[in-house]
PDB file of N, CA and C in Angstrom:
ATOM      1  N   MET A   1       1.502  -1.962   0.810  1.00  0.00           N
ATOM      2  CA  MET A   1       2.653  -2.167   1.674  1.00  0.00           C
ATOM      3  C   MET A   1       3.916  -2.091   0.819  1.00  0.00           C
ATOM      4  N   THR A   2       4.874  -1.303   1.228  1.00  0.00           N
ATOM      5  CA  THR A   2       6.115  -1.158   0.479  1.00  0.00           C
ATOM      6  C   THR A   2       7.063  -2.299   0.825  1.00  0.00           C
ATOM      7  N   PRO A   3       8.045  -2.578  -0.047  1.00  0.00           N
ATOM      8  CA  PRO A   3       9.003  -3.649   0.261  1.00  0.00           C
ATOM      9  C   PRO A   3       9.758  -3.397   1.564  1.00  0.00           C
ATOM     10  N   GLY A   4      10.012  -2.137   1.909  1.00  0.00           N
ATOM     11  CA  GLY A   4      10.727  -1.832   3.147  1.00  0.00           C
ATOM     12  C   GLY A   4       9.918  -2.201   4.373  1.00  0.00           C
ATOM     13  N   THR A   5       8.632  -1.874   4.371  1.00  0.00           N
ATOM     14  CA  THR A   5       7.800  -2.213   5.528  1.00  0.00           C
ATOM     15  C   THR A   5       7.562  -3.711   5.602  1.00  0.00           C
ATOM     16  N   ASP A   6       7.486  -4.380   4.460  1.00  0.00           N
ATOM     17  CA  ASP A   6       7.344  -5.829   4.465  1.00  0.00           C
ATOM     18  C   ASP A   6       8.566  -6.461   5.116  1.00  0.00           C
ATOM     19  N   TRP A   7       9.744  -5.980   4.802  1.00  0.00           N
ATOM     20  CA  TRP A   7      10.976  -6.506   5.388  1.00  0.00           C
ATOM     21  C   TRP A   7      11.004  -6.251   6.884  1.00  0.00           C
ATOM     22  N   ILE A   8      10.562  -5.078   7.300  1.00  0.00           N
ATOM     23  CA  ILE A   8      10.551  -4.737   8.726  1.00  0.00           C
ATOM     24  C   ILE A   8       9.580  -5.646   9.464  1.00  0.00           C
ATOM     25  N   ASP A   9       8.411  -5.896   8.894  1.00  0.00           N
ATOM     26  CA  ASP A   9       7.444  -6.793   9.534  1.00  0.00           C
ATOM     27  C   ASP A   9       8.012  -8.200   9.684  1.00  0.00           C
ATOM     28  N   GLN A  10       8.692  -8.680   8.657  1.00  0.00           N
ATOM     29  CA  GLN A  10       9.295 -10.003   8.735  1.00  0.00           C
ATOM     30  C   GLN A  10      10.393 -10.045   9.785  1.00  0.00           C
ATOM     31  N   ALA A  11      11.192  -8.983   9.887  1.00  0.00           N
ATOM     32  CA  ALA A  11      12.252  -8.935  10.893  1.00  0.00           C
ATOM     33  C   ALA A  11      11.664  -8.916  12.298  1.00  0.00           C
ATOM     34  N   GLN A  12      10.568  -8.178  12.479  1.00  0.00           N
ATOM     35  CA  GLN A  12       9.931  -8.139  13.795  1.00  0.00           C
ATOM     36  C   GLN A  12       9.385  -9.506  14.173  1.00  0.00           C
ATOM     37  N   ARG A  13       8.792 -10.213  13.215  1.00  0.00           N
ATOM     38  CA  ARG A  13       8.302 -11.564  13.514  1.00  0.00           C
ATOM     39  C   ARG A  13       9.443 -12.500  13.854  1.00  0.00           C
ATOM     40  N   LEU A  14      10.572 -12.350  13.159  1.00  0.00           N
ATOM     41  CA  LEU A  14      11.740 -13.180  13.458  1.00  0.00           C
ATOM     42  C   LEU A  14      12.273 -12.904  14.855  1.00  0.00           C
ATOM     43  N   VAL A  15      12.352 -11.635  15.231  1.00  0.00           N
ATOM     44  CA  VAL A  15      12.823 -11.269  16.571  1.00  0.00           C
ATOM     45  C   VAL A  15      11.894 -11.837  17.631  1.00  0.00           C
ATOM     46  N   GLU A  16      10.595 -11.750  17.408  1.00  0.00           N
ATOM     47  CA  GLU A  16       9.629 -12.291  18.377  1.00  0.00           C
ATOM     48  C   GLU A  16       9.772 -13.805  18.498  1.00  0.00           C
ATOM     49  N   ALA A  17       9.996 -14.500  17.382  1.00  0.00           N
ATOM     50  CA  ALA A  17      10.165 -15.949  17.428  1.00  0.00           C
ATOM     51  C   ALA A  17      11.435 -16.328  18.177  1.00  0.00           C
ATOM     52  N   VAL A  18      12.523 -15.601  17.913  1.00  0.00           N
ATOM     53  CA  VAL A  18      13.783 -15.874  18.606  1.00  0.00           C
ATOM     54  C   VAL A  18      13.637 -15.548  20.085  1.00  0.00           C
ATOM     55  N   ARG A  19      12.972 -14.437  20.390  1.00  0.00           N
ATOM     56  CA  ARG A  19      12.763 -14.052  21.787  1.00  0.00           C
ATOM     57  C   ARG A  19      11.987 -15.138  22.527  1.00  0.00           C
ATOM     58  N   GLY A  20      10.947 -15.677  21.898  1.00  0.00           N
ATOM     59  CA  GLY A  20      10.144 -16.723  22.535  1.00  0.00           C
ATOM     60  C   GLY A  20      10.938 -17.988  22.782  1.00  0.00           C
ATOM     61  N   SER A  21      11.757 -18.385  21.808  1.00  0.00           N
ATOM     62  CA  SER A  21      12.531 -19.614  21.992  1.00  0.00           C
ATOM     63  C   SER A  21      13.669 -19.424  22.990  1.00  0.00           C
ATOM     64  N   LEU A  22      14.288 -18.255  23.003  1.00  0.00           N
ATOM     65  CA  LEU A  22      15.368 -18.020  23.961  1.00  0.00           C
ATOM     66  C   LEU A  22      14.842 -17.808  25.376  1.00  0.00           C
ATOM     67  N   ALA A  23      13.660 -17.228  25.498  1.00  0.00           N
ATOM     68  CA  ALA A  23      13.095 -17.007  26.830  1.00  0.00           C
ATOM     69  C   ALA A  23      12.823 -18.323  27.533  1.00  0.00           C
ATOM     70  N   SER A  24      12.444 -19.327  26.779  1.00  0.00           N
ATOM     71  CA  SER A  24      12.200 -20.628  27.401  1.00  0.00           C
ATOM     72  C   SER A  24      13.513 -21.335  27.731  1.00  0.00           C
ATOM     73  N   ALA A  25      14.605 -20.990  27.044  1.00  0.00           N
ATOM     74  CA  ALA A  25      15.888 -21.640  27.290  1.00  0.00           C
ATOM     75  C   ALA A  25      16.672 -20.985  28.424  1.00  0.00           C
ATOM     76  N   VAL A  26      16.371 -19.720  28.735  1.00  0.00           N
ATOM     77  CA  VAL A  26      17.086 -18.999  29.787  1.00  0.00           C
ATOM     78  C   VAL A  26      16.493 -19.380  31.141  1.00  0.00           C
ATOM     79  N   PRO A  27      17.332 -19.813  32.092  1.00  0.00           N
ATOM     80  CA  PRO A  27      16.788 -20.156  33.407  1.00  0.00           C
ATOM     81  C   PRO A  27      16.300 -18.908  34.127  1.00  0.00           C
ATOM     82  N   PRO A  28      15.374 -19.058  35.064  1.00  0.00           N
ATOM     83  CA  PRO A  28      14.901 -17.890  35.805  1.00  0.00           C
ATOM     84  C   PRO A  28      16.011 -17.270  36.628  1.00  0.00           C
ATOM     85  N   ALA A  29      15.858 -15.994  36.949  1.00  0.00           N
ATOM     86  CA  ALA A  29      16.912 -15.249  37.638  1.00  0.00           C
ATOM     87  C   ALA A  29      17.229 -15.828  39.011  1.00  0.00           C
ATOM     88  N   ASP A  30      16.236 -16.389  39.715  1.00  0.00           N
ATOM     89  CA  ASP A  30      16.518 -16.910  41.048  1.00  0.00           C
ATOM     90  C   ASP A  30      17.278 -18.223  41.000  1.00  0.00           C
ATOM     91  N   GLY A  31      17.323 -18.891  39.844  1.00  0.00           N
ATOM     92  CA  GLY A  31      18.042 -20.157  39.732  1.00  0.00           C
ATOM     93  C   GLY A  31      19.488 -19.992  39.295  1.00  0.00           C
ATOM     94  N   GLU A  32      19.888 -18.784  38.949  1.00  0.00           N
ATOM     95  CA  GLU A  32      21.247 -18.559  38.472  1.00  0.00           C
ATOM     96  C   GLU A  32      22.200 -18.502  39.660  1.00  0.00           C
ATOM     97  N   ALA A  33      23.323 -19.150  39.513  1.00  0.00           N
ATOM     98  CA  ALA A  33      24.309 -19.180  40.589  1.00  0.00           C
ATOM     99  C   ALA A  33      25.098 -17.879  40.608  1.00  0.00           C
ATOM    100  N   GLY A  34      25.091 -17.181  41.731  1.00  0.00           N
ATOM    101  CA  GLY A  34      25.907 -15.993  41.900  1.00  0.00           C
ATOM    102  C   GLY A  34      25.351 -14.727  41.288  1.00  0.00           C
ATOM    103  N   HIS A  35      24.170 -14.741  40.722  1.00  0.00           N
ATOM    104  CA  HIS A  35      23.588 -13.558  40.103  1.00  0.00           C
ATOM    105  C   HIS A  35      22.280 -13.218  40.797  1.00  0.00           C
ATOM    106  N   SER A  36      22.115 -11.964  41.112  1.00  0.00           N
ATOM    107  CA  SER A  36      20.857 -11.522  41.697  1.00  0.00           C
ATOM    108  C   SER A  36      19.905 -11.125  40.581  1.00  0.00           C
ATOM    109  N   ALA A  37      18.666 -10.889  40.913  1.00  0.00           N
ATOM    110  CA  ALA A  37      17.661 -10.531  39.914  1.00  0.00           C
ATOM    111  C   ALA A  37      17.922  -9.155  39.301  1.00  0.00           C
ATOM    112  N   ASP A  38      18.676  -8.305  40.004  1.00  0.00           N
ATOM    113  CA  ASP A  38      18.932  -6.960  39.491  1.00  0.00           C
ATOM    114  C   ASP A  38      20.356  -6.796  38.951  1.00  0.00           C
ATOM    115  N   CYS A  39      20.976  -7.881  38.482  1.00  0.00           N
ATOM    116  CA  CYS A  39      22.333  -7.835  37.911  1.00  0.00           C
ATOM    117  C   CYS A  39      22.302  -6.954  36.665  1.00  0.00           C
ATOM    118  N   ARG A  40      23.132  -5.927  36.614  1.00  0.00           N
ATOM    119  CA  ARG A  40      23.139  -4.985  35.491  1.00  0.00           C
ATOM    120  C   ARG A  40      24.473  -4.946  34.749  1.00  0.00           C
ATOM    121  N   TRP A  41      25.487  -5.660  35.186  1.00  0.00           N
ATOM    122  CA  TRP A  41      26.782  -5.565  34.525  1.00  0.00           C
ATOM    123  C   TRP A  41      27.159  -6.832  33.777  1.00  0.00           C
ATOM    124  N   CYS A  42      26.604  -7.974  34.131  1.00  0.00           N
ATOM    125  CA  CYS A  42      26.949  -9.251  33.503  1.00  0.00           C
ATOM    126  C   CYS A  42      26.367  -9.316  32.086  1.00  0.00           C
ATOM    127  N   PRO A  43      27.171  -9.608  31.083  1.00  0.00           N
ATOM    128  CA  PRO A  43      26.656  -9.670  29.703  1.00  0.00           C
ATOM    129  C   PRO A  43      25.564 -10.729  29.531  1.00  0.00           C
ATOM    130  N   VAL A  44      25.674 -11.845  30.246  1.00  0.00           N
ATOM    131  CA  VAL A  44      24.659 -12.889  30.133  1.00  0.00           C
ATOM    132  C   VAL A  44      23.322 -12.380  30.664  1.00  0.00           C
ATOM    133  N   CYS A  45      23.359 -11.701  31.783  1.00  0.00           N
ATOM    134  CA  CYS A  45      22.126 -11.154  32.357  1.00  0.00           C
ATOM    135  C   CYS A  45      21.560 -10.035  31.485  1.00  0.00           C
ATOM    136  N   GLN A  46      22.410  -9.257  30.853  1.00  0.00           N
ATOM    137  CA  GLN A  46      21.946  -8.191  29.965  1.00  0.00           C
ATOM    138  C   GLN A  46      21.237  -8.776  28.746  1.00  0.00           C
ATOM    139  N   VAL A  47      21.806  -9.835  28.160  1.00  0.00           N
ATOM    140  CA  VAL A  47      21.169 -10.473  27.006  1.00  0.00           C
ATOM    141  C   VAL A  47      19.844 -11.093  27.433  1.00  0.00           C
ATOM    142  N   ALA A  48      19.832 -11.722  28.597  1.00  0.00           N
ATOM    143  CA  ALA A  48      18.588 -12.315  29.091  1.00  0.00           C
ATOM    144  C   ALA A  48      17.525 -11.241  29.314  1.00  0.00           C
ATOM    145  N   ALA A  49      17.914 -10.074  29.808  1.00  0.00           N
ATOM    146  CA  ALA A  49      16.958  -8.980  30.018  1.00  0.00           C
ATOM    147  C   ALA A  49      16.397  -8.485  28.693  1.00  0.00           C
ATOM    148  N   VAL A  50      17.226  -8.417  27.662  1.00  0.00           N
ATOM    149  CA  VAL A  50      16.757  -7.988  26.338  1.00  0.00           C
ATOM    150  C   VAL A  50      15.780  -9.015  25.781  1.00  0.00           C
ATOM    151  N   VAL A  51      16.113 -10.304  25.944  1.00  0.00           N
ATOM    152  CA  VAL A  51      15.250 -11.365  25.430  1.00  0.00           C
ATOM    153  C   VAL A  51      13.906 -11.361  26.148  1.00  0.00           C
ATOM    154  N   ARG A  52      13.919 -11.103  27.443  1.00  0.00           N
ATOM    155  CA  ARG A  52      12.670 -11.072  28.214  1.00  0.00           C
ATOM    156  C   ARG A  52      11.861  -9.814  27.924  1.00  0.00           C
ATOM    157  N   GLY A  53      12.441  -8.838  27.246  1.00  0.00           N
ATOM    158  CA  GLY A  53      11.716  -7.613  26.913  1.00  0.00           C
ATOM    159  C   GLY A  53      11.818  -6.551  27.989  1.00  0.00           C
ATOM    160  N   GLU A  54      12.769  -6.691  28.902  1.00  0.00           N
ATOM    161  CA  GLU A  54      12.933  -5.733  29.983  1.00  0.00           C
ATOM    162  C   GLU A  54      13.762  -4.518  29.580  1.00  0.00           C
ATOM    163  N   ARG A  55      14.370  -4.551  28.414  1.00  0.00           N
ATOM    164  CA  ARG A  55      15.217  -3.450  27.949  1.00  0.00           C
ATOM    165  C   ARG A  55      14.704  -2.948  26.601  1.00  0.00           C
ATOM    166  N   PRO A  56      13.591  -2.218  26.577  1.00  0.00           N
ATOM    167  CA  PRO A  56      13.039  -1.772  25.296  1.00  0.00           C
ATOM    168  C   PRO A  56      13.946  -0.803  24.552  1.00  0.00           C
ATOM    169  N   GLU A  57      14.805  -0.069  25.280  1.00  0.00           N
ATOM    170  CA  GLU A  57      15.698   0.856  24.587  1.00  0.00           C
ATOM    171  C   GLU A  57      16.730   0.105  23.755  1.00  0.00           C
ATOM    172  N   VAL A  58      17.168  -1.067  24.228  1.00  0.00           N
ATOM    173  CA  VAL A  58      18.119  -1.869  23.453  1.00  0.00           C
ATOM    174  C   VAL A  58      17.417  -2.469  22.244  1.00  0.00           C
ATOM    175  N   THR A  59      16.187  -2.937  22.441  1.00  0.00           N
ATOM    176  CA  THR A  59      15.421  -3.483  21.331  1.00  0.00           C
ATOM    177  C   THR A  59      15.173  -2.410  20.271  1.00  0.00           C
ATOM    178  N   ALA A  60      14.877  -1.196  20.697  1.00  0.00           N
ATOM    179  CA  ALA A  60      14.668  -0.097  19.749  1.00  0.00           C
ATOM    180  C   ALA A  60      15.960   0.233  19.005  1.00  0.00           C
ATOM    181  N   ALA A  61      17.083   0.212  19.715  1.00  0.00           N
ATOM    182  CA  ALA A  61      18.372   0.481  19.063  1.00  0.00           C
ATOM    183  C   ALA A  61      18.703  -0.604  18.051  1.00  0.00           C
ATOM    184  N   LEU A  62      18.423  -1.868  18.386  1.00  0.00           N
ATOM    185  CA  LEU A  62      18.663  -2.960  17.441  1.00  0.00           C
ATOM    186  C   LEU A  62      17.750  -2.836  16.217  1.00  0.00           C
ATOM    187  N   ALA A  63      16.505  -2.451  16.436  1.00  0.00           N
ATOM    188  CA  ALA A  63      15.589  -2.265  15.310  1.00  0.00           C
ATOM    189  C   ALA A  63      16.074  -1.137  14.407  1.00  0.00           C
ATOM    190  N   ASP A  64      16.572  -0.052  15.007  1.00  0.00           N
ATOM    191  CA  ASP A  64      17.112   1.061  14.234  1.00  0.00           C
ATOM    192  C   ASP A  64      18.337   0.623  13.444  1.00  0.00           C
ATOM    193  N   LEU A  65      19.196  -0.168  14.072  1.00  0.00           N
ATOM    194  CA  LEU A  65      20.390  -0.675  13.398  1.00  0.00           C
ATOM    195  C   LEU A  65      20.019  -1.562  12.222  1.00  0.00           C
ATOM    196  N   LEU A  66      19.042  -2.455  12.418  1.00  0.00           N
ATOM    197  CA  LEU A  66      18.624  -3.334  11.333  1.00  0.00           C
ATOM    198  C   LEU A  66      17.970  -2.550  10.201  1.00  0.00           C
ATOM    199  N   THR A  67      17.213  -1.523  10.523  1.00  0.00           N
ATOM    200  CA  THR A  67      16.592  -0.695   9.494  1.00  0.00           C
ATOM    201  C   THR A  67      17.652   0.041   8.680  1.00  0.00           C
ATOM    202  N   THR A  68      18.658   0.575   9.366  1.00  0.00           N
ATOM    203  CA  THR A  68      19.743   1.270   8.674  1.00  0.00           C
ATOM    204  C   THR A  68      20.529   0.313   7.791  1.00  0.00           C
ATOM    205  N   ALA A  69      20.792  -0.889   8.305  1.00  0.00           N
ATOM    206  CA  ALA A  69      21.521  -1.882   7.513  1.00  0.00           C
ATOM    207  C   ALA A  69      20.716  -2.286   6.283  1.00  0.00           C
ATOM    208  N   ALA A  70      19.410  -2.447   6.439  1.00  0.00           N
ATOM    209  CA  ALA A  70      18.572  -2.803   5.288  1.00  0.00           C
ATOM    210  C   ALA A  70      18.582  -1.696   4.243  1.00  0.00           C
ATOM    211  N   ALA A  71      18.520  -0.448   4.690  1.00  0.00           N
ATOM    212  CA  ALA A  71      18.562   0.675   3.748  1.00  0.00           C
ATOM    213  C   ALA A  71      19.898   0.730   3.023  1.00  0.00           C
ATOM    214  N   ALA A  72      20.977   0.465   3.757  1.00  0.00           N
ATOM    215  CA  ALA A  72      22.300   0.467   3.127  1.00  0.00           C
ATOM    216  C   ALA A  72      22.422  -0.660   2.110  1.00  0.00           C
ATOM    217  N   LEU A  73      21.919  -1.843   2.449  1.00  0.00           N
ATOM    218  CA  LEU A  73      21.968  -2.961   1.504  1.00  0.00           C
ATOM    219  C   LEU A  73      21.105  -2.685   0.278  1.00  0.00           C
ATOM    220  N   ARG A  74      19.965  -2.046   0.482  1.00  0.00           N
ATOM    221  CA  ARG A  74      19.106  -1.699  -0.643  1.00  0.00           C
ATOM    222  C   ARG A  74      19.813  -0.715  -1.561  1.00  0.00           C
ATOM    223  N   THR A  75      20.508   0.257  -0.985  1.00  0.00           N
ATOM    224  CA  THR A  75      21.243   1.240  -1.778  1.00  0.00           C
ATOM    225  C   THR A  75      22.352   0.579  -2.576  1.00  0.00           C
ATOM    226  N   VAL A  76      23.059  -0.344  -1.954  1.00  0.00           N
ATOM    227  CA  VAL A  76      24.134  -1.059  -2.641  1.00  0.00           C
ATOM    228  C   VAL A  76      23.563  -1.908  -3.773  1.00  0.00           C
ATOM    229  N   ALA A  77      22.426  -2.557  -3.529  1.00  0.00           N
ATOM    230  CA  ALA A  77      21.817  -3.388  -4.564  1.00  0.00           C
ATOM    231  C   ALA A  77      21.349  -2.539  -5.739  1.00  0.00           C
ATOM    232  N   GLU A  78      20.792  -1.364  -5.445  1.00  0.00           N
ATOM    233  CA  GLU A  78      20.348  -0.480  -6.526  1.00  0.00           C
ATOM    234  C   GLU A  78      21.536   0.105  -7.281  1.00  0.00           C
ATOM    235  N   ALA A  79      22.660   0.296  -6.604  1.00  0.00           N
ATOM    236  CA  ALA A  79      23.846   0.845  -7.266  1.00  0.00           C
ATOM    237  C   ALA A  79      24.433  -0.154  -8.254  1.00  0.00           C
ATOM    238  N   GLY A  80      24.169  -1.433  -8.066  1.00  0.00           N
ATOM    239  CA  GLY A  80      24.696  -2.456  -8.963  1.00  0.00           C
ATOM    240  C   GLY A  80      23.983  -2.505 -10.292  1.00  0.00           C
ATOM    241  N   GLN A  81      22.820  -1.871 -10.407  1.00  0.00           N
ATOM    242  CA  GLN A  81      22.078  -1.858 -11.655  1.00  0.00           C
ATOM    243  C   GLN A  81      22.664  -0.807 -12.589  1.00  0.00           C
ATOM    244  N   PRO A  82      22.711  -1.090 -13.893  1.00  0.00           N
ATOM    245  CA  PRO A  82      23.284  -0.105 -14.822  1.00  0.00           C
ATOM    246  C   PRO A  82      22.419   1.147 -14.901  1.00  0.00           C
ATOM    247  N   ALA A  83      23.074   2.266 -14.921  1.00  0.00           N
ATOM    248  CA  ALA A  83      22.391   3.559 -15.008  1.00  0.00           C
ATOM    249  C   ALA A  83      22.192   3.934 -16.471  1.00  0.00           C
ATOM    250  N   PRO A  84      21.157   4.694 -16.790  1.00  0.00           N
ATOM    251  CA  PRO A  84      20.993   5.144 -18.167  1.00  0.00           C
ATOM    252  C   PRO A  84      22.122   6.108 -18.529  1.00  0.00           C
ATOM    253  N   PRO A  85      22.451   6.201 -19.797  1.00  0.00           N
ATOM    254  CA  PRO A  85      23.540   7.105 -20.185  1.00  0.00           C
ATOM    255  C   PRO A  85      23.215   8.550 -19.823  1.00  0.00           C
ATOM    256  N   ALA A  86      24.204   9.239 -19.256  1.00  0.00           N
ATOM    257  CA  ALA A  86      24.003  10.608 -18.781  1.00  0.00           C
ATOM    258  C   ALA A  86      23.915  11.603 -19.935  1.00  0.00           C
ATOM    259  N   THR A  87      24.743  11.420 -20.952  1.00  0.00           N
ATOM    260  CA  THR A  87      24.731  12.346 -22.087  1.00  0.00           C
ATOM    261  C   THR A  87      24.660  11.556 -23.377  1.00  0.00           C
ATOM    262  N   ALA A  88      24.121  12.166 -24.387  1.00  0.00           N
ATOM    263  CA  ALA A  88      24.055  11.534 -25.701  1.00  0.00           C
ATOM    264  C   ALA A  88      25.406  11.666 -26.384  1.00  0.00           C
ATOM    265  N   PRO A  89      25.768  10.693 -27.227  1.00  0.00           N
ATOM    266  CA  PRO A  89      27.044  10.811 -27.944  1.00  0.00           C
ATOM    267  C   PRO A  89      27.022  11.993 -28.913  1.00  0.00           C
ATOM    268  N   ALA A  90      28.187  12.454 -29.259  1.00  0.00           N
ATOM    269  CA  ALA A  90      28.314  13.592 -30.181  1.00  0.00           C
ATOM    270  C   ALA A  90      27.710  13.224 -31.539  1.00  0.00           C
ATOM    271  N   GLN A  91      27.456  14.251 -32.358  1.00  0.00           N
ATOM    272  CA  GLN A  91      26.792  14.051 -33.648  1.00  0.00           C
ATOM    273  C   GLN A  91      27.609  13.182 -34.594  1.00  0.00           C
ATOM    274  N   ASP A  92      28.929  13.248 -34.511  1.00  0.00           N
ATOM    275  CA  ASP A  92      29.760  12.490 -35.443  1.00  0.00           C
ATOM    276  C   ASP A  92      30.029  11.068 -34.934  1.00  0.00           C
ATOM    277  N   GLY A  93      29.369  10.612 -33.878  1.00  0.00           N
ATOM    278  CA  GLY A  93      29.509   9.251 -33.413  1.00  0.00           C
ATOM    279  C   GLY A  93      30.575   9.056 -32.343  1.00  0.00           C
ATOM    280  N   GLU A  94      31.342  10.096 -32.045  1.00  0.00           N
ATOM    281  CA  GLU A  94      32.379   9.962 -31.020  1.00  0.00           C
ATOM    282  C   GLU A  94      31.768  10.156 -29.630  1.00  0.00           C
ATOM    283  N   PRO A  95      32.278   9.443 -28.637  1.00  0.00           N
ATOM    284  CA  PRO A  95      31.773   9.653 -27.276  1.00  0.00           C
ATOM    285  C   PRO A  95      32.188  11.035 -26.775  1.00  0.00           C
ATOM    286  N   PRO A  96      31.451  11.609 -25.843  1.00  0.00           N
ATOM    287  CA  PRO A  96      31.811  12.924 -25.335  1.00  0.00           C
ATOM    288  C   PRO A  96      33.171  12.894 -24.631  1.00  0.00           C
ATOM    289  N   ALA A  97      33.837  14.011 -24.662  1.00  0.00           N
ATOM    290  CA  ALA A  97      35.152  14.106 -24.030  1.00  0.00           C
ATOM    291  C   ALA A  97      35.019  13.946 -22.517  1.00  0.00           C
ATOM    292  N   PRO A  98      35.959  13.227 -21.863  1.00  0.00           N
ATOM    293  CA  PRO A  98      35.856  13.035 -20.420  1.00  0.00           C
ATOM    294  C   PRO A  98      36.140  14.308 -19.633  1.00  0.00           C
ATOM    295  N   VAL A  99      36.809  15.288 -20.254  1.00  0.00           N
ATOM    296  CA  VAL A  99      37.147  16.530 -19.578  1.00  0.00           C
ATOM    297  C   VAL A  99      36.639  17.677 -20.431  1.00  0.00           C
ATOM    298  N   GLN A 100      36.085  18.690 -19.793  1.00  0.00           N
ATOM    299  CA  GLN A 100      35.589  19.845 -20.529  1.00  0.00           C
ATOM    300  C   GLN A 100      36.443  21.039 -20.177  1.00  0.00           C
ATOM    301  N   GLN A 101      36.844  21.799 -21.209  1.00  0.00           N
ATOM    302  CA  GLN A 101      37.636  23.005 -21.021  1.00  0.00           C
ATOM    303  C   GLN A 101      36.723  24.128 -20.584  1.00  0.00           C
ATOM    304  N   ILE A 102      36.994  24.759 -19.436  1.00  0.00           N
ATOM    305  CA  ILE A 102      36.224  25.903 -18.948  1.00  0.00           C
ATOM    306  C   ILE A 102      37.171  27.079 -18.796  1.00  0.00           C
ATOM    307  N   ASP A 103      36.901  28.155 -19.548  1.00  0.00           N
ATOM    308  CA  ASP A 103      37.728  29.352 -19.463  1.00  0.00           C
ATOM    309  C   ASP A 103      37.219  30.237 -18.343  1.00  0.00           C
ATOM    310  N   ILE A 104      38.113  30.668 -17.469  1.00  0.00           N
ATOM    311  CA  ILE A 104      37.761  31.547 -16.367  1.00  0.00           C
ATOM    312  C   ILE A 104      38.352  32.913 -16.665  1.00  0.00           C
ATOM    313  N   ALA A 105      37.502  33.913 -16.693  1.00  0.00           N
ATOM    314  CA  ALA A 105      37.981  35.253 -17.050  1.00  0.00           C
ATOM    315  C   ALA A 105      38.346  36.039 -15.818  1.00  0.00           C
TER     316      ALA A 105
END
């Protein structure tokens, strides 16, 4: 198992745990004042639908977003590590020149 898939598995377990705890806290649709069971514009009803698992496309988009964010954070973390020297120093001990003269004919 690679570190990336391990992170994804842990994130999926976290989402399932949050979904389970929020599903028990959200009142049923028939008990909500002023909202029908098919409410599609209210942000509260939309979040409740995602938590209940009725909107798999939103869950897939969130999973894609989290995967992209993890990849970006991994790239940033790897960029913080020192890179090996690109070129060897010159024979006389001086570092290579930062600019190279290129003649164009």
